N, C-alpha and C. Protein backbone atom coordinates (compact mmCIF):
# COMPACT_ATOMS: atom_id res chain seq x y z
N UNK A 1 0.84 -1.18 0.00
CA UNK A 1 0.00 0.00 0.00
C UNK A 1 0.88 1.24 0.00
N UNK A 2 0.65 2.14 -0.94
CA UNK A 2 1.44 3.36 -1.05
C UNK A 2 0.92 4.41 -0.07
N UNK A 3 1.83 5.14 0.51
CA UNK A 3 1.44 6.22 1.41
C UNK A 3 1.11 7.46 0.61
N UNK A 4 0.10 8.18 1.05
CA UNK A 4 -0.28 9.43 0.38
C UNK A 4 0.71 10.52 0.76
N UNK A 5 1.06 11.37 -0.20
CA UNK A 5 1.93 12.50 0.07
C UNK A 5 1.14 13.62 0.73
N UNK A 6 1.81 14.71 1.15
CA UNK A 6 1.14 15.80 1.83
C UNK A 6 0.00 16.42 1.03
N UNK A 7 0.17 16.51 -0.26
CA UNK A 7 -0.87 17.14 -1.08
C UNK A 7 -2.15 16.32 -1.07
N UNK A 8 -2.03 14.99 -1.18
CA UNK A 8 -3.21 14.14 -1.20
C UNK A 8 -3.96 14.20 0.12
N UNK A 9 -3.24 14.30 1.23
CA UNK A 9 -3.89 14.37 2.53
C UNK A 9 -4.66 15.66 2.70
N UNK A 10 -4.20 16.75 2.09
CA UNK A 10 -4.83 18.05 2.26
C UNK A 10 -6.05 18.24 1.39
N UNK A 11 -6.18 17.43 0.36
CA UNK A 11 -7.26 17.63 -0.61
C UNK A 11 -8.50 16.82 -0.24
N UNK A 12 -9.67 17.37 -0.50
CA UNK A 12 -10.89 16.61 -0.28
C UNK A 12 -10.92 15.37 -1.18
N UNK A 13 -11.67 14.38 -0.76
CA UNK A 13 -11.79 13.14 -1.53
C UNK A 13 -12.22 13.42 -2.96
N UNK A 14 -11.50 12.83 -3.90
CA UNK A 14 -11.87 12.94 -5.31
C UNK A 14 -11.29 14.15 -6.02
N UNK A 15 -10.83 15.16 -5.30
CA UNK A 15 -10.35 16.37 -5.95
C UNK A 15 -9.01 16.17 -6.65
N UNK A 16 -8.24 15.18 -6.23
CA UNK A 16 -6.90 15.00 -6.79
C UNK A 16 -6.91 14.48 -8.22
N UNK A 17 -8.05 13.98 -8.70
CA UNK A 17 -8.10 13.40 -10.03
C UNK A 17 -8.96 14.19 -11.01
N UNK A 18 -9.32 15.42 -10.66
CA UNK A 18 -10.12 16.24 -11.57
C UNK A 18 -9.27 16.69 -12.74
N UNK A 19 -9.91 16.88 -13.88
CA UNK A 19 -9.22 17.37 -15.06
C UNK A 19 -8.97 18.87 -14.94
N UNK A 20 -7.86 19.33 -15.48
CA UNK A 20 -7.59 20.76 -15.49
C UNK A 20 -8.32 21.41 -16.66
N UNK A 21 -8.99 22.50 -16.38
CA UNK A 21 -9.71 23.23 -17.42
C UNK A 21 -8.99 24.52 -17.78
N UNK A 22 -9.61 25.32 -18.62
CA UNK A 22 -9.01 26.58 -19.05
C UNK A 22 -8.77 27.53 -17.87
N UNK A 23 -9.71 27.57 -16.92
CA UNK A 23 -9.54 28.43 -15.76
C UNK A 23 -8.35 27.99 -14.92
N UNK A 24 -8.18 26.68 -14.77
CA UNK A 24 -7.03 26.15 -14.03
C UNK A 24 -5.72 26.59 -14.70
N UNK A 25 -5.67 26.49 -15.99
CA UNK A 25 -4.46 26.89 -16.72
C UNK A 25 -4.19 28.38 -16.56
N UNK A 26 -5.23 29.18 -16.60
CA UNK A 26 -5.10 30.62 -16.43
C UNK A 26 -4.57 30.97 -15.03
N UNK A 27 -5.11 30.32 -14.01
CA UNK A 27 -4.66 30.57 -12.63
C UNK A 27 -3.24 30.07 -12.40
N UNK A 28 -2.89 28.94 -13.01
CA UNK A 28 -1.52 28.45 -12.88
C UNK A 28 -0.55 29.39 -13.59
N UNK A 29 -0.96 29.95 -14.71
CA UNK A 29 -0.12 30.93 -15.40
C UNK A 29 0.11 32.14 -14.51
N UNK A 30 -0.94 32.56 -13.80
CA UNK A 30 -0.81 33.69 -12.87
C UNK A 30 0.19 33.34 -11.77
N UNK A 31 0.11 32.12 -11.24
CA UNK A 31 1.07 31.67 -10.22
C UNK A 31 2.50 31.75 -10.73
N UNK A 32 2.70 31.27 -11.95
CA UNK A 32 4.05 31.29 -12.52
C UNK A 32 4.56 32.71 -12.70
N UNK A 33 3.69 33.62 -13.14
CA UNK A 33 4.08 35.03 -13.29
C UNK A 33 4.49 35.62 -11.95
N UNK A 34 3.69 35.36 -10.92
CA UNK A 34 4.01 35.87 -9.58
C UNK A 34 5.31 35.28 -9.07
N UNK A 35 5.52 33.99 -9.29
CA UNK A 35 6.73 33.32 -8.84
C UNK A 35 7.97 33.90 -9.52
N UNK A 36 7.85 34.19 -10.82
CA UNK A 36 8.99 34.77 -11.54
C UNK A 36 9.30 36.18 -11.02
N UNK A 37 8.25 36.93 -10.69
CA UNK A 37 8.47 38.27 -10.12
C UNK A 37 9.16 38.18 -8.76
N UNK A 38 8.75 37.20 -7.96
CA UNK A 38 9.37 37.00 -6.66
C UNK A 38 10.85 36.66 -6.82
N UNK A 39 11.15 35.77 -7.76
CA UNK A 39 12.54 35.39 -8.02
C UNK A 39 13.36 36.58 -8.48
N UNK A 40 12.77 37.43 -9.31
CA UNK A 40 13.47 38.64 -9.78
C UNK A 40 13.82 39.58 -8.64
N UNK A 41 13.06 39.50 -7.55
CA UNK A 41 13.29 40.35 -6.38
C UNK A 41 14.17 39.66 -5.33
N UNK A 42 14.71 38.48 -5.67
CA UNK A 42 15.59 37.76 -4.76
C UNK A 42 14.87 36.87 -3.76
N UNK A 43 13.59 36.66 -3.96
CA UNK A 43 12.81 35.81 -3.06
C UNK A 43 12.73 34.40 -3.65
N UNK A 44 12.33 33.45 -2.82
CA UNK A 44 12.10 32.09 -3.31
C UNK A 44 10.95 32.14 -4.32
N UNK A 45 11.05 31.42 -5.43
CA UNK A 45 10.06 31.53 -6.51
C UNK A 45 8.79 30.71 -6.29
N UNK A 46 8.06 31.03 -5.23
CA UNK A 46 6.82 30.33 -4.92
C UNK A 46 5.67 31.31 -4.88
N UNK A 47 4.53 30.88 -5.40
CA UNK A 47 3.35 31.75 -5.42
C UNK A 47 2.09 30.93 -5.22
N UNK A 48 1.04 31.61 -4.76
CA UNK A 48 -0.25 30.97 -4.58
C UNK A 48 -1.35 31.97 -4.93
N UNK A 49 -2.41 31.45 -5.52
CA UNK A 49 -3.58 32.26 -5.89
C UNK A 49 -4.80 31.54 -5.35
N UNK A 50 -5.66 32.27 -4.67
CA UNK A 50 -6.93 31.72 -4.20
C UNK A 50 -8.03 32.36 -5.01
N UNK A 51 -8.91 31.53 -5.56
CA UNK A 51 -9.98 32.07 -6.39
C UNK A 51 -11.29 31.33 -6.15
N UNK A 52 -12.33 31.96 -6.61
CA UNK A 52 -13.67 31.37 -6.62
C UNK A 52 -14.24 31.64 -7.99
N UNK A 53 -14.61 30.59 -8.68
CA UNK A 53 -15.07 30.69 -10.07
C UNK A 53 -13.98 31.40 -10.86
N UNK A 54 -14.28 32.54 -11.45
CA UNK A 54 -13.28 33.25 -12.27
C UNK A 54 -12.70 34.47 -11.56
N UNK A 55 -12.95 34.59 -10.27
CA UNK A 55 -12.50 35.76 -9.51
C UNK A 55 -11.33 35.40 -8.61
N UNK A 56 -10.23 36.15 -8.73
CA UNK A 56 -9.10 35.98 -7.82
C UNK A 56 -9.46 36.67 -6.52
N UNK A 57 -9.44 35.93 -5.44
CA UNK A 57 -9.74 36.47 -4.12
C UNK A 57 -8.48 37.08 -3.52
N UNK A 58 -7.40 36.31 -3.52
CA UNK A 58 -6.11 36.75 -2.97
C UNK A 58 -4.99 36.05 -3.69
N UNK A 59 -3.83 36.66 -3.64
CA UNK A 59 -2.64 36.05 -4.21
C UNK A 59 -1.46 36.46 -3.35
N UNK A 60 -0.43 35.64 -3.37
CA UNK A 60 0.75 35.95 -2.56
C UNK A 60 1.95 35.21 -3.11
N UNK A 61 3.11 35.72 -2.75
CA UNK A 61 4.36 35.04 -3.03
C UNK A 61 5.08 34.83 -1.70
N UNK A 62 6.05 33.92 -1.69
CA UNK A 62 6.87 33.77 -0.49
C UNK A 62 7.51 35.11 -0.16
N UNK A 63 7.59 35.41 1.12
CA UNK A 63 8.33 36.61 1.54
C UNK A 63 9.22 36.27 2.73
N UNK A 64 9.68 35.03 2.77
CA UNK A 64 10.53 34.56 3.86
C UNK A 64 11.80 35.39 3.97
N UNK A 65 12.47 35.60 2.86
CA UNK A 65 13.73 36.36 2.88
C UNK A 65 13.49 37.83 3.15
N UNK A 66 12.53 38.41 2.46
CA UNK A 66 12.26 39.84 2.61
C UNK A 66 11.83 40.19 4.04
N UNK A 67 10.91 39.38 4.58
CA UNK A 67 10.36 39.67 5.90
C UNK A 67 11.16 39.02 7.03
N UNK A 68 12.11 38.17 6.66
CA UNK A 68 12.91 37.42 7.64
C UNK A 68 11.99 36.68 8.61
N UNK A 69 11.04 35.97 8.01
CA UNK A 69 10.05 35.24 8.79
C UNK A 69 9.80 33.90 8.10
N UNK A 70 10.16 32.81 8.75
CA UNK A 70 10.10 31.50 8.13
C UNK A 70 8.70 31.01 7.83
N UNK A 71 7.67 31.63 8.38
CA UNK A 71 6.31 31.18 8.10
C UNK A 71 5.64 31.95 6.97
N UNK A 72 6.34 32.82 6.32
CA UNK A 72 5.73 33.62 5.24
C UNK A 72 5.81 32.90 3.90
N UNK A 73 5.20 31.71 3.88
CA UNK A 73 5.07 30.94 2.63
C UNK A 73 3.89 31.47 1.84
N UNK A 74 3.95 31.32 0.53
CA UNK A 74 2.93 31.87 -0.36
C UNK A 74 1.52 31.38 -0.01
N UNK A 75 1.36 30.08 0.15
CA UNK A 75 0.03 29.54 0.44
C UNK A 75 -0.51 30.07 1.77
N UNK A 76 0.34 30.09 2.77
CA UNK A 76 -0.07 30.57 4.09
C UNK A 76 -0.49 32.03 4.02
N UNK A 77 0.29 32.85 3.34
CA UNK A 77 -0.03 34.28 3.23
C UNK A 77 -1.32 34.50 2.45
N UNK A 78 -1.51 33.75 1.37
CA UNK A 78 -2.73 33.89 0.58
C UNK A 78 -3.96 33.50 1.40
N UNK A 79 -3.85 32.42 2.16
CA UNK A 79 -4.96 31.98 3.01
C UNK A 79 -5.27 33.04 4.07
N UNK A 80 -4.25 33.55 4.71
CA UNK A 80 -4.44 34.57 5.73
C UNK A 80 -5.10 35.82 5.15
N UNK A 81 -4.66 36.24 3.99
CA UNK A 81 -5.26 37.42 3.34
C UNK A 81 -6.72 37.16 2.96
N UNK A 82 -7.01 35.93 2.52
CA UNK A 82 -8.40 35.58 2.18
C UNK A 82 -9.29 35.64 3.42
N UNK A 83 -8.78 35.14 4.55
CA UNK A 83 -9.53 35.21 5.80
C UNK A 83 -9.91 36.66 6.11
N UNK A 84 -8.92 37.54 6.04
CA UNK A 84 -9.16 38.95 6.37
C UNK A 84 -10.09 39.63 5.36
N UNK A 85 -9.89 39.34 4.11
CA UNK A 85 -10.71 39.96 3.07
C UNK A 85 -12.17 39.51 3.15
N UNK A 86 -12.38 38.22 3.38
CA UNK A 86 -13.73 37.66 3.38
C UNK A 86 -14.40 37.71 4.76
N UNK A 87 -13.59 37.92 5.79
CA UNK A 87 -14.15 37.99 7.14
C UNK A 87 -14.62 36.65 7.68
N UNK A 88 -14.00 35.58 7.22
CA UNK A 88 -14.35 34.24 7.71
C UNK A 88 -13.14 33.33 7.59
N UNK A 89 -13.19 32.19 8.28
CA UNK A 89 -12.05 31.27 8.28
C UNK A 89 -12.35 29.96 7.57
N UNK A 90 -13.37 29.93 6.78
CA UNK A 90 -13.68 28.74 5.99
C UNK A 90 -13.69 29.12 4.52
N UNK A 91 -12.87 28.44 3.75
CA UNK A 91 -12.73 28.74 2.32
C UNK A 91 -13.16 27.56 1.46
N UNK A 92 -14.17 26.83 1.93
CA UNK A 92 -14.56 25.59 1.24
C UNK A 92 -15.04 25.79 -0.19
N UNK A 93 -15.51 26.96 -0.54
CA UNK A 93 -15.96 27.21 -1.91
C UNK A 93 -14.90 27.89 -2.76
N UNK A 94 -13.65 27.81 -2.32
CA UNK A 94 -12.53 28.43 -3.02
C UNK A 94 -11.54 27.36 -3.46
N UNK A 95 -10.66 27.74 -4.38
CA UNK A 95 -9.56 26.87 -4.82
C UNK A 95 -8.25 27.60 -4.59
N UNK A 96 -7.21 26.87 -4.27
CA UNK A 96 -5.88 27.46 -4.16
C UNK A 96 -5.02 26.84 -5.26
N UNK A 97 -4.33 27.71 -5.96
CA UNK A 97 -3.39 27.30 -7.01
C UNK A 97 -2.00 27.63 -6.51
N UNK A 98 -1.08 26.69 -6.65
CA UNK A 98 0.29 26.89 -6.22
C UNK A 98 1.22 26.37 -7.30
N UNK A 99 2.32 27.06 -7.52
CA UNK A 99 3.23 26.64 -8.57
C UNK A 99 4.14 25.49 -8.13
N UNK A 100 4.05 25.06 -6.89
CA UNK A 100 4.76 23.86 -6.44
C UNK A 100 3.87 23.13 -5.43
N UNK A 101 4.23 21.92 -5.13
CA UNK A 101 3.46 21.17 -4.13
C UNK A 101 3.65 21.84 -2.76
N UNK A 102 2.56 22.16 -2.08
CA UNK A 102 2.68 22.83 -0.77
C UNK A 102 3.45 21.96 0.24
N UNK A 103 4.22 22.62 1.09
CA UNK A 103 4.95 21.92 2.15
C UNK A 103 3.96 21.44 3.21
N UNK A 104 4.45 20.70 4.19
CA UNK A 104 3.59 20.17 5.25
C UNK A 104 2.90 21.30 6.02
N UNK A 105 3.63 22.35 6.27
CA UNK A 105 3.07 23.51 6.98
C UNK A 105 1.91 24.12 6.20
N UNK A 106 2.09 24.33 4.92
CA UNK A 106 1.04 24.92 4.09
C UNK A 106 -0.12 23.95 3.88
N UNK A 107 0.18 22.65 3.80
CA UNK A 107 -0.89 21.65 3.70
C UNK A 107 -1.78 21.71 4.93
N UNK A 108 -1.18 21.91 6.09
CA UNK A 108 -1.97 22.03 7.31
C UNK A 108 -2.88 23.25 7.23
N UNK A 109 -2.36 24.37 6.76
CA UNK A 109 -3.17 25.59 6.63
C UNK A 109 -4.31 25.37 5.63
N UNK A 110 -4.03 24.66 4.53
CA UNK A 110 -5.06 24.35 3.53
C UNK A 110 -6.15 23.50 4.18
N UNK A 111 -5.74 22.48 4.91
CA UNK A 111 -6.72 21.60 5.54
C UNK A 111 -7.57 22.34 6.57
N UNK A 112 -6.93 23.14 7.40
CA UNK A 112 -7.66 23.84 8.46
C UNK A 112 -8.58 24.93 7.91
N UNK A 113 -8.25 25.49 6.76
CA UNK A 113 -9.09 26.53 6.17
C UNK A 113 -10.22 25.93 5.32
N UNK A 114 -10.18 24.62 5.17
CA UNK A 114 -11.21 23.87 4.42
C UNK A 114 -11.31 24.29 2.95
N UNK A 115 -10.19 24.65 2.38
CA UNK A 115 -10.18 25.00 0.96
C UNK A 115 -10.70 23.82 0.17
N UNK A 116 -11.59 24.10 -0.77
CA UNK A 116 -12.27 23.04 -1.50
C UNK A 116 -11.42 22.31 -2.52
N UNK A 117 -10.36 22.95 -3.01
CA UNK A 117 -9.60 22.34 -4.09
C UNK A 117 -8.17 22.90 -4.11
N UNK A 118 -7.21 22.03 -4.33
CA UNK A 118 -5.80 22.41 -4.45
C UNK A 118 -5.35 22.01 -5.85
N UNK A 119 -4.77 22.96 -6.58
CA UNK A 119 -4.26 22.67 -7.93
C UNK A 119 -2.80 23.06 -7.97
């Protein structure tokens, strides 16, 4: 029996095998653009976008080096900003897009925020 990786544990049942659509590709392109901008500024090239349908709710890049704070990962910052913007701590009707597989710390934040989908 194979063990599930961190990403599979954070995702709701069945979400890991969904097909990528045009919106997914568009959001992933946005992640890559943000990550390249972060790299150009000397930051780690990681980015995350949280959206609902076709609307970007929040986006973030790693700011670990800039802020000198080891918890400033892109996914964590995007989730935190979404909480503040929406005034709630449940994001079950949202999706998070990340240009790399989230680390264990970010997977925990994804799980606790009840994000509906990770791409």
